Amino acid sequence: ASIKRSVMDMTVDARMNGIWVIGLSFVAAMSLAVVSLPESIPSELGYLRPEWVTLVIVYWVIALPNRVGIVVAWAIGLLMDVLLGTLLGQHAIAYMIVAYVAFTLYQRLRMFAIWQQSLVIFAIVGLNQLIKFWIESIAGIVDWNIWYFLPSVISALAWPCVFLLLRYMRRSFNVT
């Protein structure tokens, strides 16, 4: 009975470690997403910022689809809407669709090389950008410019670093 209890305690500890690691990775991504650029930098350089939260959502959905999915993406999206002051539900809808696409492709994505995953990330982040642009254009908030989809390219280039960092964290803290 004591062996069974200690095994259960270890799985509870591993699960709690996982919640902290996953939660902190989302907090870091949201912090990077809301940090504003200094006023001396041209506003166009803001488009060179990767979609950090989208990348973290995609990673955790691919790595742990049983723990991070559509509901977590929806909750993170609502938090981002509040943090950025955007239309309530805008990021939530986009992140839900991103999580759904990543969930349906997660077994294939795991088998791809990182550079192949980057191509898929380009498409997924592009879809995320398109959904947010569509919602903003319906609300009359944004006008089209060529810079709008640049974060898709930057996110695809940043994916290998994000993937390797989060994988290292997941393995170091034994997140299952």
N, C-alpha and C. Protein backbone atom coordinates (compact mmCIF):
# COMPACT_ATOMS: atom_id res chain seq x y z
N ALA A 1 0.82 -1.20 0.00
CA ALA A 1 0.00 0.00 0.00
C ALA A 1 0.87 1.26 0.00
N SER A 2 2.00 1.21 0.72
CA SER A 2 2.86 2.39 0.77
C SER A 2 3.56 2.64 -0.56
N ILE A 3 3.87 1.56 -1.30
CA ILE A 3 4.48 1.73 -2.64
C ILE A 3 3.48 2.38 -3.58
N LYS A 4 2.24 1.90 -3.51
CA LYS A 4 1.20 2.46 -4.38
C LYS A 4 0.99 3.94 -4.06
N ARG A 5 1.00 4.29 -2.76
CA ARG A 5 0.81 5.68 -2.35
C ARG A 5 1.97 6.55 -2.83
N SER A 6 3.21 6.06 -2.75
CA SER A 6 4.36 6.85 -3.19
C SER A 6 4.35 7.04 -4.70
N VAL A 7 3.90 6.04 -5.45
CA VAL A 7 3.78 6.18 -6.91
C VAL A 7 2.73 7.22 -7.24
N MET A 8 1.62 7.21 -6.51
CA MET A 8 0.58 8.21 -6.74
C MET A 8 1.08 9.61 -6.40
N ASP A 9 1.86 9.73 -5.32
CA ASP A 9 2.42 11.03 -4.95
C ASP A 9 3.36 11.54 -6.02
N MET A 10 4.16 10.65 -6.62
CA MET A 10 5.09 11.06 -7.67
C MET A 10 4.35 11.53 -8.91
N THR A 11 3.24 10.86 -9.27
CA THR A 11 2.49 11.31 -10.45
C THR A 11 1.80 12.64 -10.18
N VAL A 12 1.33 12.86 -8.95
CA VAL A 12 0.73 14.15 -8.61
C VAL A 12 1.79 15.25 -8.67
N ASP A 13 3.01 14.97 -8.15
CA ASP A 13 4.09 15.96 -8.21
C ASP A 13 4.47 16.27 -9.65
N ALA A 14 4.57 15.22 -10.50
CA ALA A 14 4.91 15.44 -11.91
C ALA A 14 3.82 16.25 -12.60
N ARG A 15 2.57 15.98 -12.26
CA ARG A 15 1.46 16.73 -12.86
C ARG A 15 1.50 18.20 -12.43
N MET A 16 1.81 18.45 -11.17
CA MET A 16 1.91 19.83 -10.69
C MET A 16 3.10 20.55 -11.33
N ASN A 17 4.23 19.86 -11.49
CA ASN A 17 5.36 20.44 -12.21
C ASN A 17 4.93 20.84 -13.61
N GLY A 18 4.16 19.98 -14.25
CA GLY A 18 3.70 20.26 -15.60
C GLY A 18 2.83 21.49 -15.67
N ILE A 19 1.95 21.64 -14.70
CA ILE A 19 1.07 22.81 -14.69
C ILE A 19 1.89 24.09 -14.56
N TRP A 20 2.90 24.07 -13.67
CA TRP A 20 3.74 25.25 -13.49
C TRP A 20 4.56 25.56 -14.72
N VAL A 21 5.15 24.55 -15.34
CA VAL A 21 5.99 24.78 -16.52
C VAL A 21 5.14 25.30 -17.68
N ILE A 22 4.01 24.65 -17.90
CA ILE A 22 3.13 25.09 -18.99
C ILE A 22 2.61 26.50 -18.71
N GLY A 23 2.17 26.74 -17.49
CA GLY A 23 1.66 28.06 -17.12
C GLY A 23 2.71 29.16 -17.27
N LEU A 24 3.91 28.89 -16.79
CA LEU A 24 4.97 29.89 -16.90
C LEU A 24 5.37 30.15 -18.36
N SER A 25 5.32 29.12 -19.19
CA SER A 25 5.64 29.35 -20.61
C SER A 25 4.59 30.25 -21.26
N PHE A 26 3.32 30.09 -20.87
CA PHE A 26 2.28 30.97 -21.40
C PHE A 26 2.43 32.39 -20.86
N VAL A 27 2.79 32.52 -19.59
CA VAL A 27 2.99 33.85 -19.01
C VAL A 27 4.15 34.56 -19.72
N ALA A 28 5.23 33.83 -19.97
CA ALA A 28 6.37 34.43 -20.68
C ALA A 28 5.98 34.85 -22.10
N ALA A 29 5.22 33.99 -22.79
CA ALA A 29 4.79 34.32 -24.16
C ALA A 29 3.86 35.53 -24.17
N MET A 30 2.94 35.60 -23.21
CA MET A 30 2.03 36.74 -23.16
C MET A 30 2.79 38.02 -22.80
N SER A 31 3.79 37.90 -21.94
CA SER A 31 4.61 39.06 -21.59
C SER A 31 5.35 39.58 -22.81
N LEU A 32 5.93 38.67 -23.59
CA LEU A 32 6.63 39.08 -24.81
C LEU A 32 5.66 39.70 -25.83
N ALA A 33 4.43 39.24 -25.82
CA ALA A 33 3.45 39.75 -26.78
C ALA A 33 2.95 41.14 -26.43
N VAL A 34 2.91 41.49 -25.15
CA VAL A 34 2.34 42.78 -24.78
C VAL A 34 3.38 43.87 -24.54
N VAL A 35 4.64 43.51 -24.48
CA VAL A 35 5.68 44.52 -24.28
C VAL A 35 5.70 45.45 -25.49
N SER A 36 5.60 46.74 -25.21
CA SER A 36 5.58 47.69 -26.33
C SER A 36 7.00 48.11 -26.68
N LEU A 37 7.15 48.50 -27.93
CA LEU A 37 8.44 48.97 -28.40
C LEU A 37 8.66 50.41 -27.97
N PRO A 38 9.90 50.82 -27.82
CA PRO A 38 10.16 52.23 -27.48
C PRO A 38 9.64 53.15 -28.59
N GLU A 39 9.32 54.37 -28.21
CA GLU A 39 8.76 55.32 -29.17
C GLU A 39 9.74 55.72 -30.26
N SER A 40 11.05 55.56 -30.00
CA SER A 40 12.06 55.94 -30.98
C SER A 40 12.16 54.94 -32.13
N ILE A 41 11.57 53.76 -31.98
CA ILE A 41 11.62 52.73 -33.02
C ILE A 41 10.40 52.91 -33.93
N PRO A 42 10.61 52.81 -35.25
CA PRO A 42 9.46 52.94 -36.17
C PRO A 42 8.42 51.85 -35.90
N SER A 43 7.16 52.20 -36.05
CA SER A 43 6.07 51.27 -35.74
C SER A 43 6.07 50.04 -36.65
N GLU A 44 6.63 50.16 -37.86
CA GLU A 44 6.68 49.02 -38.77
C GLU A 44 7.52 47.87 -38.22
N LEU A 45 8.49 48.18 -37.36
CA LEU A 45 9.31 47.13 -36.77
C LEU A 45 8.52 46.26 -35.79
N GLY A 46 7.38 46.76 -35.35
CA GLY A 46 6.51 45.95 -34.50
C GLY A 46 5.98 44.73 -35.22
N TYR A 47 5.93 44.80 -36.53
CA TYR A 47 5.47 43.64 -37.32
C TYR A 47 6.53 42.53 -37.36
N LEU A 48 7.74 42.83 -36.94
CA LEU A 48 8.80 41.81 -36.91
C LEU A 48 8.73 40.96 -35.64
N ARG A 49 7.75 41.19 -34.82
CA ARG A 49 7.58 40.42 -33.59
C ARG A 49 6.88 39.10 -33.90
N PRO A 50 7.46 37.99 -33.47
CA PRO A 50 6.78 36.69 -33.69
C PRO A 50 5.48 36.61 -32.89
N GLU A 51 4.63 35.72 -33.29
CA GLU A 51 3.39 35.44 -32.55
C GLU A 51 3.73 34.44 -31.44
N TRP A 52 4.28 34.95 -30.34
CA TRP A 52 4.80 34.10 -29.27
C TRP A 52 3.74 33.18 -28.70
N VAL A 53 2.58 33.71 -28.42
CA VAL A 53 1.53 32.91 -27.78
C VAL A 53 1.06 31.80 -28.71
N THR A 54 0.92 32.10 -29.98
CA THR A 54 0.53 31.08 -30.94
C THR A 54 1.57 29.97 -31.01
N LEU A 55 2.84 30.33 -31.01
CA LEU A 55 3.90 29.32 -31.05
C LEU A 55 3.87 28.43 -29.81
N VAL A 56 3.64 29.01 -28.65
CA VAL A 56 3.59 28.22 -27.41
C VAL A 56 2.36 27.32 -27.42
N ILE A 57 1.23 27.82 -27.87
CA ILE A 57 0.03 26.98 -27.97
C ILE A 57 0.29 25.79 -28.88
N VAL A 58 0.86 26.06 -30.05
CA VAL A 58 1.11 24.97 -31.00
C VAL A 58 2.08 23.96 -30.40
N TYR A 59 3.13 24.42 -29.72
CA TYR A 59 4.08 23.48 -29.14
C TYR A 59 3.41 22.57 -28.13
N TRP A 60 2.67 23.15 -27.18
CA TRP A 60 2.07 22.32 -26.13
C TRP A 60 0.98 21.41 -26.68
N VAL A 61 0.26 21.84 -27.70
CA VAL A 61 -0.74 20.96 -28.31
C VAL A 61 -0.06 19.79 -29.00
N ILE A 62 1.06 20.04 -29.65
CA ILE A 62 1.80 18.95 -30.31
C ILE A 62 2.43 18.02 -29.27
N ALA A 63 3.03 18.60 -28.24
CA ALA A 63 3.76 17.81 -27.24
C ALA A 63 2.83 17.07 -26.29
N LEU A 64 1.81 17.74 -25.81
CA LEU A 64 0.89 17.16 -24.81
C LEU A 64 -0.57 17.42 -25.19
N PRO A 65 -1.06 16.76 -26.24
CA PRO A 65 -2.43 17.04 -26.68
C PRO A 65 -3.49 16.64 -25.66
N ASN A 66 -3.13 15.79 -24.70
CA ASN A 66 -4.11 15.41 -23.67
C ASN A 66 -4.22 16.45 -22.55
N ARG A 67 -3.28 17.40 -22.48
CA ARG A 67 -3.31 18.42 -21.42
C ARG A 67 -3.61 19.81 -21.93
N VAL A 68 -3.12 20.13 -23.11
CA VAL A 68 -3.33 21.47 -23.68
C VAL A 68 -4.09 21.30 -24.99
N GLY A 69 -5.25 21.94 -25.05
CA GLY A 69 -6.07 21.79 -26.24
C GLY A 69 -6.89 23.04 -26.50
N ILE A 70 -8.06 22.83 -27.03
CA ILE A 70 -8.91 23.92 -27.47
C ILE A 70 -9.39 24.78 -26.30
N VAL A 71 -9.72 24.16 -25.18
CA VAL A 71 -10.21 24.93 -24.02
C VAL A 71 -9.11 25.82 -23.45
N VAL A 72 -7.90 25.28 -23.34
CA VAL A 72 -6.78 26.09 -22.86
C VAL A 72 -6.50 27.23 -23.83
N ALA A 73 -6.53 26.94 -25.13
CA ALA A 73 -6.30 27.98 -26.14
C ALA A 73 -7.37 29.07 -26.04
N TRP A 74 -8.61 28.68 -25.81
CA TRP A 74 -9.69 29.65 -25.65
C TRP A 74 -9.44 30.55 -24.44
N ALA A 75 -9.06 29.94 -23.30
CA ALA A 75 -8.80 30.72 -22.08
C ALA A 75 -7.62 31.67 -22.28
N ILE A 76 -6.55 31.19 -22.91
CA ILE A 76 -5.40 32.04 -23.18
C ILE A 76 -5.80 33.18 -24.12
N GLY A 77 -6.64 32.88 -25.09
CA GLY A 77 -7.11 33.90 -26.03
C GLY A 77 -7.91 34.98 -25.33
N LEU A 78 -8.77 34.59 -24.40
CA LEU A 78 -9.53 35.60 -23.64
C LEU A 78 -8.59 36.47 -22.80
N LEU A 79 -7.58 35.85 -22.19
CA LEU A 79 -6.60 36.63 -21.44
C LEU A 79 -5.87 37.62 -22.34
N MET A 80 -5.50 37.17 -23.55
CA MET A 80 -4.82 38.07 -24.49
C MET A 80 -5.74 39.22 -24.92
N ASP A 81 -7.02 38.93 -25.11
CA ASP A 81 -7.96 39.99 -25.46
C ASP A 81 -8.02 41.05 -24.37
N VAL A 82 -8.02 40.60 -23.12
CA VAL A 82 -8.06 41.55 -22.01
C VAL A 82 -6.74 42.31 -21.92
N LEU A 83 -5.61 41.61 -22.04
CA LEU A 83 -4.30 42.25 -21.94
C LEU A 83 -4.07 43.28 -23.03
N LEU A 84 -4.48 42.96 -24.25
CA LEU A 84 -4.24 43.86 -25.38
C LEU A 84 -5.37 44.86 -25.60
N GLY A 85 -6.50 44.65 -24.93
CA GLY A 85 -7.62 45.56 -25.10
C GLY A 85 -8.29 45.42 -26.46
N THR A 86 -8.24 44.25 -27.05
CA THR A 86 -8.88 44.01 -28.34
C THR A 86 -10.32 43.56 -28.13
N LEU A 87 -11.01 43.31 -29.22
CA LEU A 87 -12.38 42.82 -29.13
C LEU A 87 -12.40 41.52 -28.34
N LEU A 88 -13.30 41.40 -27.39
CA LEU A 88 -13.37 40.21 -26.55
C LEU A 88 -13.77 39.01 -27.41
N GLY A 89 -12.90 38.04 -27.46
CA GLY A 89 -13.14 36.83 -28.24
C GLY A 89 -12.32 36.75 -29.50
N GLN A 90 -11.69 37.84 -29.90
CA GLN A 90 -10.91 37.86 -31.14
C GLN A 90 -9.76 36.86 -31.07
N HIS A 91 -8.92 36.98 -30.06
CA HIS A 91 -7.80 36.05 -29.92
C HIS A 91 -8.30 34.66 -29.54
N ALA A 92 -9.37 34.61 -28.75
CA ALA A 92 -9.92 33.33 -28.31
C ALA A 92 -10.34 32.48 -29.51
N ILE A 93 -11.03 33.07 -30.46
CA ILE A 93 -11.45 32.34 -31.65
C ILE A 93 -10.25 31.91 -32.47
N ALA A 94 -9.33 32.83 -32.67
CA ALA A 94 -8.15 32.51 -33.48
C ALA A 94 -7.32 31.40 -32.83
N TYR A 95 -7.11 31.48 -31.52
CA TYR A 95 -6.30 30.46 -30.85
C TYR A 95 -7.02 29.11 -30.79
N MET A 96 -8.35 29.13 -30.68
CA MET A 96 -9.10 27.87 -30.72
C MET A 96 -8.91 27.17 -32.06
N ILE A 97 -8.99 27.92 -33.13
CA ILE A 97 -8.82 27.33 -34.46
C ILE A 97 -7.39 26.84 -34.65
N VAL A 98 -6.42 27.61 -34.16
CA VAL A 98 -5.01 27.19 -34.23
C VAL A 98 -4.82 25.89 -33.45
N ALA A 99 -5.39 25.81 -32.25
CA ALA A 99 -5.26 24.61 -31.44
C ALA A 99 -5.93 23.41 -32.13
N TYR A 100 -7.06 23.65 -32.76
CA TYR A 100 -7.75 22.56 -33.47
C TYR A 100 -6.90 22.05 -34.63
N VAL A 101 -6.35 22.96 -35.40
CA VAL A 101 -5.51 22.55 -36.54
C VAL A 101 -4.27 21.81 -36.03
N ALA A 102 -3.64 22.34 -35.00
CA ALA A 102 -2.45 21.67 -34.44
C ALA A 102 -2.81 20.31 -33.88
N PHE A 103 -3.98 20.20 -33.24
CA PHE A 103 -4.40 18.92 -32.68
C PHE A 103 -4.66 17.89 -33.77
N THR A 104 -5.27 18.32 -34.86
CA THR A 104 -5.54 17.36 -35.94
C THR A 104 -4.26 16.94 -36.67
N LEU A 105 -3.22 17.76 -36.60
CA LEU A 105 -1.96 17.45 -37.28
C LEU A 105 -0.84 16.99 -36.36
N TYR A 106 -1.10 16.86 -35.05
CA TYR A 106 0.01 16.68 -34.11
C TYR A 106 0.82 15.42 -34.36
N GLN A 107 0.19 14.33 -34.77
CA GLN A 107 0.96 13.11 -35.01
C GLN A 107 1.87 13.25 -36.22
N ARG A 108 1.41 13.94 -37.23
CA ARG A 108 2.25 14.18 -38.41
C ARG A 108 3.37 15.16 -38.09
N LEU A 109 3.03 16.22 -37.36
CA LEU A 109 4.03 17.24 -37.03
C LEU A 109 5.17 16.68 -36.20
N ARG A 110 4.87 15.73 -35.33
CA ARG A 110 5.91 15.12 -34.51
C ARG A 110 6.95 14.39 -35.36
N MET A 111 6.53 13.92 -36.52
CA MET A 111 7.44 13.15 -37.37
C MET A 111 8.25 14.04 -38.31
N PHE A 112 7.83 15.29 -38.47
CA PHE A 112 8.54 16.20 -39.38
C PHE A 112 9.84 16.68 -38.75
N ALA A 113 10.78 17.02 -39.61
CA ALA A 113 11.98 17.72 -39.16
C ALA A 113 11.58 19.14 -38.77
N ILE A 114 12.43 19.81 -38.00
CA ILE A 114 12.08 21.15 -37.51
C ILE A 114 11.85 22.12 -38.65
N TRP A 115 12.64 22.02 -39.72
CA TRP A 115 12.44 22.97 -40.83
C TRP A 115 11.11 22.70 -41.53
N GLN A 116 10.66 21.43 -41.56
CA GLN A 116 9.35 21.14 -42.13
C GLN A 116 8.24 21.64 -41.22
N GLN A 117 8.46 21.50 -39.90
CA GLN A 117 7.49 22.05 -38.96
C GLN A 117 7.37 23.56 -39.12
N SER A 118 8.49 24.21 -39.43
CA SER A 118 8.46 25.67 -39.62
C SER A 118 7.55 26.06 -40.77
N LEU A 119 7.53 25.26 -41.82
CA LEU A 119 6.62 25.56 -42.93
C LEU A 119 5.16 25.44 -42.51
N VAL A 120 4.86 24.43 -41.71
CA VAL A 120 3.50 24.28 -41.20
C VAL A 120 3.16 25.42 -40.23
N ILE A 121 4.15 25.80 -39.43
CA ILE A 121 3.96 26.93 -38.50
C ILE A 121 3.66 28.21 -39.28
N PHE A 122 4.34 28.40 -40.39
CA PHE A 122 4.06 29.56 -41.24
C PHE A 122 2.59 29.58 -41.64
N ALA A 123 2.06 28.43 -42.05
CA ALA A 123 0.66 28.35 -42.46
C ALA A 123 -0.29 28.55 -41.28
N ILE A 124 0.03 27.94 -40.14
CA ILE A 124 -0.84 28.04 -38.96
C ILE A 124 -0.87 29.48 -38.44
N VAL A 125 0.28 30.11 -38.33
CA VAL A 125 0.32 31.50 -37.85
C VAL A 125 -0.32 32.41 -38.89
N GLY A 126 -0.16 32.11 -40.17
CA GLY A 126 -0.84 32.88 -41.21
C GLY A 126 -2.35 32.78 -41.07
N LEU A 127 -2.84 31.58 -40.75
CA LEU A 127 -4.28 31.40 -40.50
C LEU A 127 -4.71 32.23 -39.29
N ASN A 128 -3.91 32.21 -38.23
CA ASN A 128 -4.18 33.00 -37.04
C ASN A 128 -4.27 34.49 -37.40
N GLN A 129 -3.31 34.98 -38.16
CA GLN A 129 -3.30 36.38 -38.58
C GLN A 129 -4.52 36.70 -39.44
N LEU A 130 -4.86 35.79 -40.34
CA LEU A 130 -6.00 36.00 -41.23
C LEU A 130 -7.31 36.10 -40.44
N ILE A 131 -7.49 35.23 -39.45
CA ILE A 131 -8.70 35.27 -38.63
C ILE A 131 -8.78 36.59 -37.87
N LYS A 132 -7.67 36.99 -37.25
CA LYS A 132 -7.69 38.25 -36.50
C LYS A 132 -7.91 39.44 -37.43
N PHE A 133 -7.31 39.42 -38.63
CA PHE A 133 -7.53 40.50 -39.59
C PHE A 133 -8.99 40.55 -40.03
N TRP A 134 -9.56 39.37 -40.26
CA TRP A 134 -10.95 39.30 -40.68
C TRP A 134 -11.87 39.89 -39.63
N ILE A 135 -11.65 39.54 -38.36
CA ILE A 135 -12.48 40.07 -37.28
C ILE A 135 -12.30 41.58 -37.15
N GLU A 136 -11.05 42.05 -37.23
CA GLU A 136 -10.80 43.49 -37.12
C GLU A 136 -11.37 44.26 -38.30
N SER A 137 -11.34 43.66 -39.50
CA SER A 137 -11.88 44.36 -40.67
C SER A 137 -13.41 44.42 -40.61
N ILE A 138 -14.05 43.40 -40.08
CA ILE A 138 -15.51 43.45 -39.91
C ILE A 138 -15.87 44.56 -38.92
N ALA A 139 -15.08 44.70 -37.87
CA ALA A 139 -15.34 45.73 -36.86
C ALA A 139 -14.89 47.11 -37.33
N GLY A 140 -14.20 47.18 -38.48
CA GLY A 140 -13.74 48.46 -39.00
C GLY A 140 -12.55 49.03 -38.27
N ILE A 141 -11.76 48.17 -37.64
CA ILE A 141 -10.63 48.63 -36.83
C ILE A 141 -9.36 48.77 -37.64
N VAL A 142 -9.15 47.93 -38.63
CA VAL A 142 -7.87 47.87 -39.32
C VAL A 142 -8.07 48.02 -40.83
N ASP A 143 -7.08 48.58 -41.46
CA ASP A 143 -7.02 48.64 -42.91
C ASP A 143 -5.88 47.74 -43.36
N TRP A 144 -5.99 47.21 -44.55
CA TRP A 144 -4.99 46.29 -45.07
C TRP A 144 -3.67 47.00 -45.33
N ASN A 145 -2.58 46.35 -44.94
CA ASN A 145 -1.26 46.76 -45.39
C ASN A 145 -0.41 45.50 -45.55
N ILE A 146 0.63 45.62 -46.30
CA ILE A 146 1.45 44.46 -46.65
C ILE A 146 2.21 43.90 -45.45
N TRP A 147 2.40 44.71 -44.41
CA TRP A 147 3.16 44.29 -43.24
C TRP A 147 2.39 43.32 -42.35
N TYR A 148 1.09 43.25 -42.54
CA TYR A 148 0.23 42.54 -41.59
C TYR A 148 0.60 41.06 -41.43
N PHE A 149 1.03 40.41 -42.50
CA PHE A 149 1.32 38.97 -42.42
C PHE A 149 2.80 38.67 -42.18
N LEU A 150 3.61 39.67 -41.96
CA LEU A 150 5.03 39.46 -41.69
C LEU A 150 5.29 38.63 -40.43
N PRO A 151 4.48 38.74 -39.37
CA PRO A 151 4.72 37.88 -38.21
C PRO A 151 4.66 36.38 -38.52
N SER A 152 3.96 36.00 -39.58
CA SER A 152 3.94 34.58 -39.97
C SER A 152 5.33 34.12 -40.37
N VAL A 153 6.01 34.93 -41.15
CA VAL A 153 7.37 34.59 -41.59
C VAL A 153 8.32 34.58 -40.40
N ILE A 154 8.23 35.61 -39.57
CA ILE A 154 9.11 35.72 -38.41
C ILE A 154 8.85 34.57 -37.43
N SER A 155 7.60 34.19 -37.24
CA SER A 155 7.26 33.08 -36.35
C SER A 155 7.81 31.77 -36.89
N ALA A 156 7.74 31.58 -38.19
CA ALA A 156 8.29 30.36 -38.78
C ALA A 156 9.81 30.30 -38.59
N LEU A 157 10.46 31.45 -38.67
CA LEU A 157 11.90 31.49 -38.43
C LEU A 157 12.24 31.30 -36.95
N ALA A 158 11.37 31.74 -36.06
CA ALA A 158 11.61 31.60 -34.62
C ALA A 158 11.22 30.22 -34.09
N TRP A 159 10.44 29.47 -34.85
CA TRP A 159 9.93 28.17 -34.38
C TRP A 159 11.03 27.23 -33.90
N PRO A 160 12.14 27.04 -34.62
CA PRO A 160 13.14 26.10 -34.11
C PRO A 160 13.65 26.46 -32.71
N CYS A 161 13.87 27.73 -32.44
CA CYS A 161 14.33 28.15 -31.10
C CYS A 161 13.26 27.90 -30.05
N VAL A 162 12.02 28.26 -30.36
CA VAL A 162 10.92 28.06 -29.41
C VAL A 162 10.72 26.58 -29.16
N PHE A 163 10.72 25.78 -30.22
CA PHE A 163 10.53 24.33 -30.10
C PHE A 163 11.62 23.71 -29.22
N LEU A 164 12.88 24.03 -29.51
CA LEU A 164 13.98 23.44 -28.75
C LEU A 164 13.99 23.89 -27.29
N LEU A 165 13.67 25.16 -27.03
CA LEU A 165 13.63 25.66 -25.66
C LEU A 165 12.51 24.99 -24.86
N LEU A 166 11.31 24.93 -25.43
CA LEU A 166 10.19 24.33 -24.71
C LEU A 166 10.38 22.83 -24.55
N ARG A 167 10.97 22.17 -25.53
CA ARG A 167 11.24 20.73 -25.40
C ARG A 167 12.25 20.49 -24.29
N TYR A 168 13.27 21.35 -24.21
CA TYR A 168 14.26 21.23 -23.14
C TYR A 168 13.60 21.40 -21.77
N MET A 169 12.72 22.40 -21.65
CA MET A 169 12.00 22.62 -20.39
C MET A 169 11.12 21.43 -20.06
N ARG A 170 10.40 20.91 -21.04
CA ARG A 170 9.51 19.78 -20.81
C ARG A 170 10.27 18.57 -20.35
N ARG A 171 11.41 18.31 -20.94
CA ARG A 171 12.22 17.15 -20.55
C ARG A 171 12.92 17.38 -19.21
N SER A 172 13.41 18.59 -18.97
CA SER A 172 14.11 18.88 -17.71
C SER A 172 13.20 18.75 -16.50
N PHE A 173 11.96 19.22 -16.64
CA PHE A 173 11.01 19.18 -15.53
C PHE A 173 10.10 17.98 -15.58
N ASN A 174 10.35 17.07 -16.51
CA ASN A 174 9.59 15.82 -16.64
C ASN A 174 8.08 16.09 -16.74
N VAL A 175 7.73 16.97 -17.65
CA VAL A 175 6.32 17.32 -17.86
C VAL A 175 5.69 16.26 -18.75
N THR A 176 4.67 15.60 -18.20
CA THR A 176 3.98 14.55 -18.97
C THR A 176 2.49 14.78 -18.96
